[in-house]
């Protein structure tokens, strides 16, 4: 490339940069129009499992629809480095379940995590309705019990719990890049317990 061509390329680049700068300035002056900056939160990898309605075992008319999993999901929020655990149920989850629905005052939504892919599970995210008439969410370590309290969100037929990945990494002293997992809803009836498991066979898998 000779000197004349280099100068022409340089002039073209300057014109492009000037045009971009002018366009940004003009857009910023338009009332009500804002130029978006970088998002504060981005959705990373998600692992999603759908589950048939009506597959609670054993089959019983006692189980409420909100004990039946339609979809369970784990989503990584990369901007915050958190994991969002959510379930969509077949019915609306009440803010205060009635005694008619829960004769034993017990329903538990669980996500079991197998952090080293070797079984059995190591860590569990759990949301339950307690005999104290409140929803309680926590992180549990197999064989050791609770190691962190969480804040649940219940919105219609969807439940959600958000976990800081660093909380799990600190407890288990390892970097979390992948794990296998499954969900279970346990509902205690007057005559025993019902279970809904998703996925029904094998395990789901999540990775960064």
N, C-alpha and C. Protein backbone atom coordinates (compact mmCIF):
# COMPACT_ATOMS: atom_id res chain seq x y z
N UNK A 1 0.86 -1.19 0.00
CA UNK A 1 0.00 0.00 0.00
C UNK A 1 0.89 1.24 0.00
N UNK A 2 0.69 2.20 -1.00
CA UNK A 2 1.55 3.38 -1.07
C UNK A 2 1.06 4.45 -0.10
N UNK A 3 1.80 5.56 -0.05
CA UNK A 3 1.51 6.62 0.92
C UNK A 3 0.15 7.26 0.68
N UNK A 4 -0.24 7.39 -0.59
CA UNK A 4 -1.53 8.01 -0.92
C UNK A 4 -2.68 7.15 -0.39
N UNK A 5 -2.58 5.82 -0.58
CA UNK A 5 -3.61 4.91 -0.11
C UNK A 5 -3.72 4.92 1.41
N UNK A 6 -2.57 5.00 2.08
CA UNK A 6 -2.57 5.04 3.55
C UNK A 6 -3.29 6.28 4.04
N UNK A 7 -3.02 7.43 3.38
CA UNK A 7 -3.69 8.66 3.78
C UNK A 7 -5.20 8.57 3.57
N UNK A 8 -5.60 7.96 2.44
CA UNK A 8 -7.03 7.82 2.16
C UNK A 8 -7.71 6.94 3.22
N UNK A 9 -7.06 5.83 3.59
CA UNK A 9 -7.62 4.94 4.62
C UNK A 9 -7.76 5.68 5.95
N UNK A 10 -6.74 6.48 6.25
CA UNK A 10 -6.78 7.24 7.50
C UNK A 10 -7.93 8.23 7.51
N UNK A 11 -8.15 8.90 6.36
CA UNK A 11 -9.25 9.86 6.26
C UNK A 11 -10.60 9.17 6.40
N UNK A 12 -10.73 7.99 5.79
CA UNK A 12 -11.99 7.24 5.88
C UNK A 12 -12.29 6.86 7.32
N UNK A 13 -11.28 6.39 8.05
CA UNK A 13 -11.46 6.02 9.45
C UNK A 13 -11.89 7.21 10.28
N UNK A 14 -11.26 8.38 10.01
CA UNK A 14 -11.62 9.58 10.76
C UNK A 14 -13.08 9.96 10.51
N UNK A 15 -13.52 9.85 9.24
CA UNK A 15 -14.90 10.20 8.91
C UNK A 15 -15.89 9.26 9.59
N UNK A 16 -15.55 7.97 9.62
CA UNK A 16 -16.42 6.99 10.27
C UNK A 16 -16.55 7.29 11.76
N UNK A 17 -15.42 7.55 12.41
CA UNK A 17 -15.44 7.85 13.84
C UNK A 17 -16.22 9.13 14.12
N UNK A 18 -16.05 10.14 13.25
CA UNK A 18 -16.77 11.40 13.42
C UNK A 18 -18.26 11.19 13.25
N UNK A 19 -18.66 10.37 12.27
CA UNK A 19 -20.08 10.10 12.03
C UNK A 19 -20.71 9.40 13.22
N UNK A 20 -19.98 8.44 13.79
CA UNK A 20 -20.49 7.72 14.96
C UNK A 20 -20.66 8.67 16.13
N UNK A 21 -19.67 9.54 16.34
CA UNK A 21 -19.73 10.49 17.46
C UNK A 21 -20.92 11.43 17.31
N UNK A 22 -21.15 11.92 16.09
CA UNK A 22 -22.28 12.82 15.84
C UNK A 22 -23.61 12.10 16.07
N UNK A 23 -23.70 10.85 15.61
CA UNK A 23 -24.93 10.07 15.78
C UNK A 23 -25.25 9.87 17.25
N UNK A 24 -24.23 9.54 18.05
CA UNK A 24 -24.43 9.35 19.48
C UNK A 24 -24.89 10.64 20.14
N UNK A 25 -24.28 11.78 19.73
CA UNK A 25 -24.66 13.07 20.30
C UNK A 25 -26.10 13.41 19.96
N UNK A 26 -26.50 13.20 18.72
CA UNK A 26 -27.87 13.51 18.30
C UNK A 26 -28.88 12.66 19.06
N UNK A 27 -28.60 11.36 19.18
CA UNK A 27 -29.51 10.48 19.89
C UNK A 27 -29.66 10.88 21.35
N UNK A 28 -28.57 11.32 21.94
CA UNK A 28 -28.62 11.69 23.36
C UNK A 28 -29.44 12.94 23.60
N UNK A 29 -29.65 13.75 22.55
CA UNK A 29 -30.41 14.99 22.69
C UNK A 29 -31.90 14.80 22.46
N UNK A 30 -32.31 13.62 21.98
CA UNK A 30 -33.73 13.36 21.74
C UNK A 30 -34.41 13.10 23.07
N UNK A 31 -35.46 13.87 23.43
CA UNK A 31 -36.13 13.68 24.72
C UNK A 31 -36.69 12.27 24.87
N UNK A 32 -36.50 11.71 26.05
CA UNK A 32 -37.06 10.40 26.35
C UNK A 32 -36.28 9.24 25.79
N UNK A 33 -35.20 9.52 25.07
CA UNK A 33 -34.41 8.45 24.49
C UNK A 33 -33.10 8.33 25.22
N UNK A 34 -32.80 7.14 25.70
CA UNK A 34 -31.55 6.91 26.42
C UNK A 34 -30.75 5.85 25.70
N UNK A 35 -29.46 5.99 25.75
CA UNK A 35 -28.58 4.99 25.16
C UNK A 35 -28.23 3.98 26.24
N UNK A 36 -28.55 2.75 25.98
CA UNK A 36 -28.37 1.72 27.00
C UNK A 36 -26.90 1.47 27.27
N UNK A 37 -26.58 1.36 28.54
CA UNK A 37 -25.23 0.98 28.93
C UNK A 37 -25.16 -0.52 29.08
N UNK A 38 -24.07 -1.03 29.62
CA UNK A 38 -23.94 -2.47 29.82
C UNK A 38 -24.96 -2.96 30.83
N UNK A 39 -25.57 -4.12 30.60
CA UNK A 39 -26.59 -4.62 31.53
C UNK A 39 -25.98 -4.96 32.87
N UNK A 40 -26.76 -4.75 33.95
CA UNK A 40 -26.28 -5.07 35.28
C UNK A 40 -26.34 -6.56 35.55
N UNK A 41 -27.17 -7.26 34.78
CA UNK A 41 -27.31 -8.70 34.96
C UNK A 41 -27.54 -9.33 33.61
N UNK A 42 -26.85 -10.42 33.34
CA UNK A 42 -27.04 -11.15 32.10
C UNK A 42 -27.35 -12.60 32.44
N UNK A 43 -28.23 -13.19 31.64
CA UNK A 43 -28.54 -14.59 31.84
C UNK A 43 -27.52 -15.45 31.13
N UNK A 44 -26.89 -16.33 31.86
CA UNK A 44 -25.93 -17.25 31.28
C UNK A 44 -26.60 -18.57 30.97
N UNK A 45 -25.88 -19.64 31.22
CA UNK A 45 -26.40 -20.96 30.88
C UNK A 45 -27.58 -21.34 31.77
N UNK A 46 -28.57 -21.97 31.15
CA UNK A 46 -29.73 -22.48 31.88
C UNK A 46 -29.85 -23.98 31.64
N UNK A 47 -30.35 -24.66 32.65
CA UNK A 47 -30.67 -26.07 32.54
C UNK A 47 -32.15 -26.21 32.89
N UNK A 48 -32.94 -26.71 31.95
CA UNK A 48 -34.40 -26.73 32.10
C UNK A 48 -34.92 -28.15 31.96
N UNK A 49 -35.83 -28.52 32.85
CA UNK A 49 -36.48 -29.84 32.80
C UNK A 49 -37.99 -29.63 32.83
N UNK A 50 -38.70 -30.19 31.87
CA UNK A 50 -40.16 -30.19 31.91
C UNK A 50 -40.64 -31.53 32.43
N UNK A 51 -41.82 -31.51 33.06
CA UNK A 51 -42.32 -32.71 33.71
C UNK A 51 -43.81 -32.85 33.45
N UNK A 52 -44.29 -34.07 33.15
CA UNK A 52 -45.72 -34.25 32.88
C UNK A 52 -46.57 -33.92 34.10
N UNK A 53 -47.73 -33.36 33.86
CA UNK A 53 -48.67 -33.10 34.95
C UNK A 53 -49.38 -34.39 35.32
N UNK A 54 -49.57 -34.60 36.62
CA UNK A 54 -50.30 -35.77 37.08
C UNK A 54 -49.46 -36.99 37.34
N UNK A 55 -48.13 -36.81 37.45
CA UNK A 55 -47.26 -37.98 37.66
C UNK A 55 -46.75 -38.08 39.10
N UNK A 56 -47.48 -37.45 40.05
CA UNK A 56 -47.11 -37.57 41.45
C UNK A 56 -47.29 -39.02 41.90
N UNK A 57 -46.33 -39.53 42.65
CA UNK A 57 -46.40 -40.91 43.14
C UNK A 57 -46.39 -40.93 44.66
N UNK A 58 -47.21 -41.79 45.29
CA UNK A 58 -48.25 -42.59 44.63
C UNK A 58 -49.42 -41.71 44.21
N UNK A 59 -50.19 -42.16 43.24
CA UNK A 59 -51.33 -41.39 42.77
C UNK A 59 -52.36 -41.25 43.90
N UNK A 60 -52.76 -40.04 44.17
CA UNK A 60 -53.72 -39.80 45.23
C UNK A 60 -54.46 -38.50 44.97
N UNK A 61 -55.74 -38.45 45.25
CA UNK A 61 -56.48 -37.20 45.06
C UNK A 61 -56.16 -36.15 46.11
N UNK A 62 -55.38 -36.53 47.13
CA UNK A 62 -55.08 -35.60 48.22
C UNK A 62 -54.08 -34.53 47.82
N UNK A 63 -53.22 -34.81 46.87
CA UNK A 63 -52.14 -33.88 46.54
C UNK A 63 -52.68 -32.65 45.81
N UNK A 64 -52.36 -31.45 46.29
CA UNK A 64 -52.79 -30.23 45.59
C UNK A 64 -52.00 -30.04 44.31
N UNK A 65 -52.54 -29.24 43.40
CA UNK A 65 -51.88 -29.03 42.11
C UNK A 65 -50.51 -28.38 42.28
N UNK A 66 -50.33 -27.59 43.34
CA UNK A 66 -49.04 -26.92 43.51
C UNK A 66 -47.97 -27.85 44.07
N UNK A 67 -48.29 -29.14 44.18
CA UNK A 67 -47.27 -30.15 44.51
C UNK A 67 -46.80 -30.88 43.26
N UNK A 68 -47.31 -30.47 42.10
CA UNK A 68 -47.04 -31.16 40.83
C UNK A 68 -46.14 -30.28 39.95
N UNK A 69 -44.95 -30.76 39.64
CA UNK A 69 -43.98 -29.99 38.85
C UNK A 69 -44.36 -29.97 37.38
N UNK A 70 -44.38 -28.77 36.78
CA UNK A 70 -44.50 -28.63 35.33
C UNK A 70 -43.14 -28.38 34.70
N UNK A 71 -42.36 -27.53 35.36
CA UNK A 71 -41.02 -27.22 34.86
C UNK A 71 -40.14 -26.84 36.03
N UNK A 72 -38.90 -27.28 35.99
CA UNK A 72 -37.92 -26.88 37.00
C UNK A 72 -36.66 -26.44 36.27
N UNK A 73 -35.99 -25.44 36.82
CA UNK A 73 -34.93 -24.78 36.04
C UNK A 73 -33.87 -24.20 36.96
N UNK A 74 -32.62 -24.19 36.46
CA UNK A 74 -31.52 -23.50 37.11
C UNK A 74 -30.88 -22.59 36.07
N UNK A 75 -30.80 -21.30 36.39
CA UNK A 75 -30.25 -20.31 35.46
C UNK A 75 -29.11 -19.55 36.12
N UNK A 76 -28.03 -19.41 35.39
CA UNK A 76 -26.87 -18.66 35.89
C UNK A 76 -26.98 -17.20 35.48
N UNK A 77 -26.94 -16.29 36.45
CA UNK A 77 -26.91 -14.86 36.18
C UNK A 77 -25.45 -14.42 36.21
N UNK A 78 -24.86 -14.24 35.03
CA UNK A 78 -23.42 -14.01 34.95
C UNK A 78 -23.01 -12.67 35.54
N UNK A 79 -23.85 -11.65 35.41
CA UNK A 79 -23.49 -10.33 35.92
C UNK A 79 -23.38 -10.30 37.43
N UNK A 80 -24.10 -11.21 38.10
CA UNK A 80 -24.07 -11.25 39.56
C UNK A 80 -23.43 -12.53 40.08
N UNK A 81 -23.14 -13.47 39.19
CA UNK A 81 -22.60 -14.78 39.54
C UNK A 81 -23.48 -15.47 40.57
N UNK A 82 -24.77 -15.52 40.25
CA UNK A 82 -25.73 -16.20 41.09
C UNK A 82 -26.45 -17.28 40.29
N UNK A 83 -27.04 -18.21 40.99
CA UNK A 83 -27.87 -19.24 40.38
C UNK A 83 -29.31 -19.02 40.82
N UNK A 84 -30.21 -18.98 39.85
CA UNK A 84 -31.64 -18.84 40.14
C UNK A 84 -32.29 -20.21 40.00
N UNK A 85 -32.83 -20.72 41.09
CA UNK A 85 -33.54 -22.00 41.10
C UNK A 85 -35.03 -21.69 41.05
N UNK A 86 -35.72 -22.25 40.06
CA UNK A 86 -37.14 -21.96 39.93
C UNK A 86 -37.92 -23.21 39.58
N UNK A 87 -39.20 -23.20 39.94
CA UNK A 87 -40.13 -24.26 39.56
C UNK A 87 -41.45 -23.62 39.14
N UNK A 88 -42.02 -24.18 38.10
CA UNK A 88 -43.39 -23.85 37.73
C UNK A 88 -44.26 -25.05 38.08
N UNK A 89 -45.28 -24.81 38.88
CA UNK A 89 -46.15 -25.88 39.35
C UNK A 89 -47.47 -25.89 38.59
N UNK A 90 -48.22 -26.96 38.75
CA UNK A 90 -49.49 -27.11 38.03
C UNK A 90 -50.60 -26.25 38.61
N UNK A 91 -50.38 -25.69 39.78
CA UNK A 91 -51.38 -24.83 40.41
C UNK A 91 -50.72 -23.68 41.14
N UNK A 92 -51.51 -22.70 41.50
CA UNK A 92 -51.01 -21.53 42.23
C UNK A 92 -50.54 -21.93 43.62
N UNK A 93 -49.35 -21.48 43.98
CA UNK A 93 -48.80 -21.76 45.31
C UNK A 93 -49.34 -20.69 46.27
N UNK A 94 -50.11 -21.07 47.25
CA UNK A 94 -50.70 -20.07 48.15
C UNK A 94 -49.66 -19.47 49.08
N UNK A 95 -49.86 -18.22 49.44
CA UNK A 95 -48.95 -17.59 50.39
C UNK A 95 -49.08 -18.23 51.76
N UNK A 96 -50.28 -18.75 52.06
CA UNK A 96 -50.51 -19.48 53.31
C UNK A 96 -51.36 -20.71 53.00
N UNK A 97 -50.74 -21.85 52.75
CA UNK A 97 -51.50 -23.07 52.45
C UNK A 97 -52.48 -23.41 53.57
N UNK A 98 -53.64 -23.89 53.18
CA UNK A 98 -54.66 -24.22 54.17
C UNK A 98 -54.40 -25.59 54.78
N UNK A 99 -54.99 -25.82 55.95
CA UNK A 99 -54.87 -27.12 56.61
C UNK A 99 -55.53 -28.21 55.78
N UNK A 100 -56.53 -27.85 54.98
CA UNK A 100 -57.18 -28.84 54.12
C UNK A 100 -56.21 -29.34 53.06
N UNK A 101 -55.38 -28.43 52.53
CA UNK A 101 -54.39 -28.82 51.53
C UNK A 101 -53.24 -29.60 52.16
N UNK A 102 -52.83 -29.16 53.34
CA UNK A 102 -51.66 -29.76 53.99
C UNK A 102 -52.05 -30.28 55.37
N UNK A 103 -52.66 -31.44 55.43
CA UNK A 103 -53.08 -31.98 56.73
C UNK A 103 -51.92 -32.21 57.68
N UNK A 104 -50.73 -32.47 57.13
CA UNK A 104 -49.54 -32.66 57.97
C UNK A 104 -48.66 -31.42 58.00
N UNK A 105 -49.19 -30.32 57.44
CA UNK A 105 -48.48 -29.04 57.44
C UNK A 105 -47.09 -29.15 56.84
N UNK A 106 -46.96 -29.90 55.74
CA UNK A 106 -45.63 -30.08 55.16
C UNK A 106 -45.69 -30.18 53.65
N UNK A 107 -44.95 -29.30 52.99
CA UNK A 107 -44.65 -29.44 51.57
C UNK A 107 -43.25 -28.87 51.38
N UNK A 108 -42.42 -29.59 50.64
CA UNK A 108 -41.02 -29.21 50.46
C UNK A 108 -40.67 -29.25 48.99
N UNK A 109 -40.07 -28.17 48.50
CA UNK A 109 -39.56 -28.11 47.13
C UNK A 109 -38.04 -28.16 47.20
N UNK A 110 -37.45 -29.15 46.54
CA UNK A 110 -36.00 -29.34 46.64
C UNK A 110 -35.33 -29.37 45.27
N UNK A 111 -34.13 -28.81 45.22
CA UNK A 111 -33.21 -28.99 44.09
C UNK A 111 -31.96 -29.65 44.66
N UNK A 112 -31.68 -30.87 44.24
CA UNK A 112 -30.51 -31.60 44.73
C UNK A 112 -29.35 -31.43 43.74
N UNK A 113 -28.18 -31.04 44.25
CA UNK A 113 -27.01 -30.81 43.41
C UNK A 113 -25.93 -31.85 43.70
N UNK A 114 -25.45 -32.48 42.64
CA UNK A 114 -24.32 -33.41 42.75
C UNK A 114 -23.10 -32.68 42.20
N UNK A 115 -22.35 -32.04 43.07
CA UNK A 115 -21.30 -31.12 42.65
C UNK A 115 -20.11 -31.81 42.01
N UNK A 116 -19.82 -33.04 42.39
CA UNK A 116 -18.66 -33.73 41.82
C UNK A 116 -19.05 -34.81 40.81
N UNK A 117 -20.33 -34.82 40.43
CA UNK A 117 -20.83 -35.74 39.39
C UNK A 117 -20.57 -37.20 39.72
N UNK A 118 -20.60 -37.53 41.01
CA UNK A 118 -20.29 -38.91 41.39
C UNK A 118 -21.39 -39.58 42.21
N UNK A 119 -22.43 -38.83 42.54
CA UNK A 119 -23.52 -39.33 43.38
C UNK A 119 -22.99 -39.81 44.73
N UNK A 120 -23.76 -39.70 45.81
CA UNK A 120 -25.07 -39.06 45.86
C UNK A 120 -24.94 -37.54 45.86
N UNK A 121 -26.05 -36.85 46.11
CA UNK A 121 -26.04 -35.39 46.10
C UNK A 121 -25.18 -34.84 47.23
N UNK A 122 -24.65 -33.63 47.01
CA UNK A 122 -23.81 -32.97 48.01
C UNK A 122 -24.53 -31.80 48.67
N UNK A 123 -25.29 -31.06 47.85
CA UNK A 123 -25.87 -29.80 48.29
C UNK A 123 -27.34 -29.76 47.87
N UNK A 124 -28.17 -29.12 48.70
CA UNK A 124 -29.59 -29.05 48.39
C UNK A 124 -30.10 -27.63 48.64
N UNK A 125 -30.85 -27.12 47.66
CA UNK A 125 -31.59 -25.88 47.83
C UNK A 125 -33.03 -26.28 48.16
N UNK A 126 -33.56 -25.77 49.24
CA UNK A 126 -34.88 -26.23 49.68
C UNK A 126 -35.78 -25.06 50.06
N UNK A 127 -37.05 -25.21 49.73
CA UNK A 127 -38.09 -24.25 50.12
C UNK A 127 -39.23 -25.05 50.72
N UNK A 128 -39.64 -24.71 51.93
CA UNK A 128 -40.67 -25.51 52.59
C UNK A 128 -41.64 -24.64 53.37
N UNK A 129 -42.86 -25.16 53.52
CA UNK A 129 -43.86 -24.57 54.40
C UNK A 129 -43.74 -25.28 55.74
N UNK A 130 -43.49 -24.53 56.78
CA UNK A 130 -43.17 -25.13 58.07
C UNK A 130 -44.38 -25.15 59.00
N UNK A 131 -44.33 -25.96 60.05
CA UNK A 131 -45.39 -25.95 61.06
C UNK A 131 -45.56 -24.60 61.74
N UNK A 132 -44.57 -23.71 61.60
CA UNK A 132 -44.68 -22.36 62.14
C UNK A 132 -45.44 -21.43 61.20
N UNK A 133 -46.03 -22.02 60.15
CA UNK A 133 -46.82 -21.26 59.17
C UNK A 133 -46.01 -20.17 58.48
N UNK A 134 -44.89 -20.57 57.91
CA UNK A 134 -44.08 -19.64 57.13
C UNK A 134 -43.28 -20.42 56.09
N UNK A 135 -42.99 -19.72 54.98
CA UNK A 135 -42.13 -20.29 53.96
C UNK A 135 -40.68 -20.04 54.33
N UNK A 136 -39.87 -21.09 54.30
CA UNK A 136 -38.46 -20.99 54.68
C UNK A 136 -37.61 -21.61 53.58
N UNK A 137 -36.57 -20.89 53.14
CA UNK A 137 -35.66 -21.40 52.12
C UNK A 137 -34.24 -21.44 52.69
N UNK A 138 -33.49 -22.46 52.30
CA UNK A 138 -32.13 -22.58 52.83
C UNK A 138 -31.26 -23.44 51.93
N UNK A 139 -29.96 -23.37 52.17
CA UNK A 139 -28.98 -24.24 51.54
C UNK A 139 -28.59 -25.31 52.55
N UNK A 140 -28.60 -26.56 52.11
CA UNK A 140 -28.28 -27.67 53.00
C UNK A 140 -27.08 -28.45 52.46
N UNK A 141 -26.25 -28.91 53.36
CA UNK A 141 -25.15 -29.79 52.99
C UNK A 141 -25.47 -31.20 53.48
N UNK A 142 -25.29 -32.16 52.60
CA UNK A 142 -25.62 -33.54 52.96
C UNK A 142 -24.79 -33.99 54.16
N UNK A 143 -25.49 -34.45 55.19
CA UNK A 143 -24.83 -34.94 56.38
C UNK A 143 -24.48 -33.88 57.40
N UNK A 144 -24.66 -32.59 57.04
CA UNK A 144 -24.27 -31.52 57.96
C UNK A 144 -25.40 -30.53 58.24
N UNK A 145 -26.42 -30.51 57.39
CA UNK A 145 -27.55 -29.62 57.62
C UNK A 145 -27.39 -28.26 56.96
N UNK A 146 -28.16 -27.30 57.44
CA UNK A 146 -28.23 -25.97 56.83
C UNK A 146 -26.93 -25.19 57.01
N UNK A 147 -26.51 -24.50 55.93
CA UNK A 147 -25.35 -23.62 56.07
C UNK A 147 -25.61 -22.21 55.54
N UNK A 148 -26.81 -21.95 55.03
CA UNK A 148 -27.16 -20.59 54.61
C UNK A 148 -28.66 -20.46 54.48
N UNK A 149 -29.18 -19.31 54.92
CA UNK A 149 -30.60 -19.00 54.75
C UNK A 149 -30.79 -18.22 53.46
N UNK A 150 -31.93 -18.44 52.81
CA UNK A 150 -32.20 -17.81 51.52
C UNK A 150 -33.56 -17.11 51.56
N UNK A 151 -33.79 -16.26 50.57
CA UNK A 151 -35.05 -15.54 50.48
C UNK A 151 -35.86 -16.06 49.30
N UNK A 152 -37.01 -16.68 49.55
CA UNK A 152 -37.81 -17.21 48.44
C UNK A 152 -38.71 -16.15 47.82
N UNK A 153 -39.08 -16.38 46.57
CA UNK A 153 -40.07 -15.57 45.88
C UNK A 153 -41.16 -16.51 45.39
N UNK A 154 -42.40 -16.22 45.76
CA UNK A 154 -43.54 -17.02 45.32
C UNK A 154 -44.47 -16.11 44.54
N UNK A 155 -44.67 -16.45 43.28
CA UNK A 155 -45.47 -15.60 42.40
C UNK A 155 -46.40 -16.48 41.57
N UNK A 156 -47.65 -16.59 42.01
CA UNK A 156 -48.59 -17.44 41.30
C UNK A 156 -48.19 -18.90 41.40
N UNK A 157 -48.00 -19.53 40.25
CA UNK A 157 -47.61 -20.95 40.24
C UNK A 157 -46.10 -21.13 40.12
N UNK A 158 -45.36 -20.05 40.30
CA UNK A 158 -43.90 -20.12 40.16
C UNK A 158 -43.23 -19.80 41.50
N UNK A 159 -42.23 -20.61 41.85
CA UNK A 159 -41.41 -20.34 43.02
C UNK A 159 -39.98 -20.12 42.56
N UNK A 160 -39.24 -19.33 43.34
CA UNK A 160 -37.87 -19.00 42.94
C UNK A 160 -37.00 -18.75 44.17
N UNK A 161 -35.78 -19.24 44.10
CA UNK A 161 -34.78 -18.99 45.14
C UNK A 161 -33.47 -18.67 44.44
N UNK A 162 -32.81 -17.59 44.86
CA UNK A 162 -31.54 -17.18 44.25
C UNK A 162 -30.39 -17.45 45.22
N UNK A 163 -29.32 -18.02 44.67
CA UNK A 163 -28.18 -18.43 45.49
C UNK A 163 -26.90 -17.81 44.93
N UNK A 164 -26.11 -17.21 45.79
CA UNK A 164 -24.79 -16.72 45.41
C UNK A 164 -23.85 -17.92 45.26
N UNK A 165 -23.28 -18.09 44.08
CA UNK A 165 -22.41 -19.25 43.84
C UNK A 165 -21.25 -19.29 44.84
N UNK A 166 -20.75 -18.13 45.22
CA UNK A 166 -19.62 -18.09 46.14
C UNK A 166 -19.97 -18.71 47.50
N UNK A 167 -21.24 -18.63 47.89
CA UNK A 167 -21.66 -19.24 49.15
C UNK A 167 -21.45 -20.75 49.11
N UNK A 168 -21.79 -21.36 47.97
CA UNK A 168 -21.58 -22.80 47.81
C UNK A 168 -20.09 -23.12 47.71
N UNK A 169 -19.37 -22.31 46.94
CA UNK A 169 -17.94 -22.55 46.75
C UNK A 169 -17.18 -22.45 48.08
N UNK A 170 -17.56 -21.51 48.92
CA UNK A 170 -16.90 -21.35 50.22
C UNK A 170 -17.17 -22.54 51.12
N UNK A 171 -18.42 -23.00 51.12
CA UNK A 171 -18.78 -24.13 51.97
C UNK A 171 -18.07 -25.41 51.55
N UNK A 172 -17.97 -25.63 50.23
CA UNK A 172 -17.40 -26.89 49.74
C UNK A 172 -15.94 -26.75 49.32
N UNK A 173 -15.40 -25.54 49.43
CA UNK A 173 -13.99 -25.28 49.12
C UNK A 173 -13.63 -25.77 47.71
N UNK A 174 -14.45 -25.39 46.75
CA UNK A 174 -14.18 -25.74 45.36
C UNK A 174 -14.86 -24.74 44.44
N UNK A 175 -14.32 -24.61 43.23
CA UNK A 175 -14.91 -23.73 42.23
C UNK A 175 -16.02 -24.50 41.51
N UNK A 176 -17.19 -23.89 41.43
CA UNK A 176 -18.34 -24.55 40.81
C UNK A 176 -18.39 -24.19 39.33
N UNK A 177 -18.16 -25.17 38.48
CA UNK A 177 -18.26 -24.96 37.03
C UNK A 177 -19.32 -25.86 36.40
N UNK A 178 -19.71 -26.92 37.10
CA UNK A 178 -20.71 -27.84 36.57
C UNK A 178 -21.25 -28.70 37.70
N UNK A 179 -22.43 -29.25 37.48
CA UNK A 179 -22.99 -30.23 38.41
C UNK A 179 -24.19 -30.89 37.76
N UNK A 180 -24.53 -32.07 38.24
CA UNK A 180 -25.77 -32.71 37.84
C UNK A 180 -26.81 -32.41 38.93
N UNK A 181 -28.09 -32.52 38.58
CA UNK A 181 -29.11 -32.12 39.55
C UNK A 181 -30.46 -32.74 39.21
N UNK A 182 -31.35 -32.69 40.19
CA UNK A 182 -32.74 -33.09 39.98
C UNK A 182 -33.60 -32.40 41.03
N UNK A 183 -34.90 -32.34 40.77
CA UNK A 183 -35.83 -31.69 41.69
C UNK A 183 -36.82 -32.69 42.26
N UNK A 184 -37.23 -32.44 43.49
CA UNK A 184 -38.23 -33.27 44.14
C UNK A 184 -39.20 -32.38 44.92
N UNK A 185 -40.48 -32.64 44.78
CA UNK A 185 -41.48 -32.03 45.65
C UNK A 185 -42.03 -33.13 46.55
N UNK A 186 -41.92 -32.91 47.84
CA UNK A 186 -42.46 -33.88 48.80
C UNK A 186 -43.68 -33.26 49.48
N UNK A 187 -44.77 -34.00 49.44
CA UNK A 187 -46.02 -33.53 50.02
C UNK A 187 -46.51 -34.57 51.01
N UNK A 188 -46.65 -34.19 52.27
CA UNK A 188 -47.08 -35.13 53.30
C UNK A 188 -48.60 -35.11 53.41
N UNK A 189 -49.20 -36.27 53.20
CA UNK A 189 -50.65 -36.40 53.31
C UNK A 189 -51.01 -36.99 54.66
N UNK A 190 -52.30 -37.18 54.87
CA UNK A 190 -52.71 -37.78 56.12
C UNK A 190 -52.29 -39.23 56.24
N UNK A 191 -52.01 -39.87 55.10
CA UNK A 191 -51.68 -41.30 55.12
C UNK A 191 -50.24 -41.60 54.73
N UNK A 192 -49.44 -40.57 54.48
CA UNK A 192 -48.06 -40.83 54.08
C UNK A 192 -47.49 -39.66 53.31
N UNK A 193 -46.64 -39.96 52.33
CA UNK A 193 -46.00 -38.91 51.54
C UNK A 193 -46.16 -39.17 50.06
N UNK A 194 -46.30 -38.09 49.31
CA UNK A 194 -46.30 -38.15 47.85
C UNK A 194 -45.03 -37.49 47.34
N UNK A 195 -44.60 -37.92 46.16
CA UNK A 195 -43.37 -37.39 45.59
C UNK A 195 -43.59 -37.06 44.12
N UNK A 196 -43.04 -35.95 43.70
CA UNK A 196 -42.93 -35.68 42.27
C UNK A 196 -41.47 -35.37 41.99
N UNK A 197 -40.90 -36.12 41.07
CA UNK A 197 -39.47 -36.01 40.76
C UNK A 197 -39.30 -35.56 39.32
N UNK A 198 -38.35 -34.65 39.08
CA UNK A 198 -38.04 -34.21 37.72
C UNK A 198 -36.53 -33.98 37.61
N UNK A 199 -35.88 -34.54 36.60
CA UNK A 199 -36.46 -35.42 35.58
C UNK A 199 -36.84 -36.78 36.14
N UNK A 200 -37.70 -37.47 35.42
CA UNK A 200 -38.19 -38.77 35.90
C UNK A 200 -37.12 -39.86 35.79
N UNK A 201 -36.21 -39.70 34.83
CA UNK A 201 -35.12 -40.67 34.67
C UNK A 201 -33.81 -39.90 34.51
N UNK A 202 -32.72 -40.52 34.91
CA UNK A 202 -31.39 -39.92 34.83
C UNK A 202 -31.35 -38.61 35.62
N UNK A 203 -30.37 -37.76 35.33
CA UNK A 203 -30.21 -36.49 36.02
C UNK A 203 -30.08 -35.37 35.00
N UNK A 204 -30.43 -34.15 35.41
CA UNK A 204 -30.18 -32.99 34.57
C UNK A 204 -28.74 -32.53 34.78
N UNK A 205 -28.27 -31.65 33.91
CA UNK A 205 -26.87 -31.21 33.97
C UNK A 205 -26.79 -29.71 33.73
N UNK A 206 -25.98 -29.03 34.54
CA UNK A 206 -25.73 -27.60 34.36
C UNK A 206 -24.23 -27.35 34.30
N UNK A 207 -23.81 -26.40 33.45
CA UNK A 207 -22.41 -25.98 33.42
C UNK A 207 -22.35 -24.51 33.03
N UNK A 208 -21.26 -23.86 33.38
CA UNK A 208 -21.08 -22.45 33.03
C UNK A 208 -20.93 -22.29 31.52
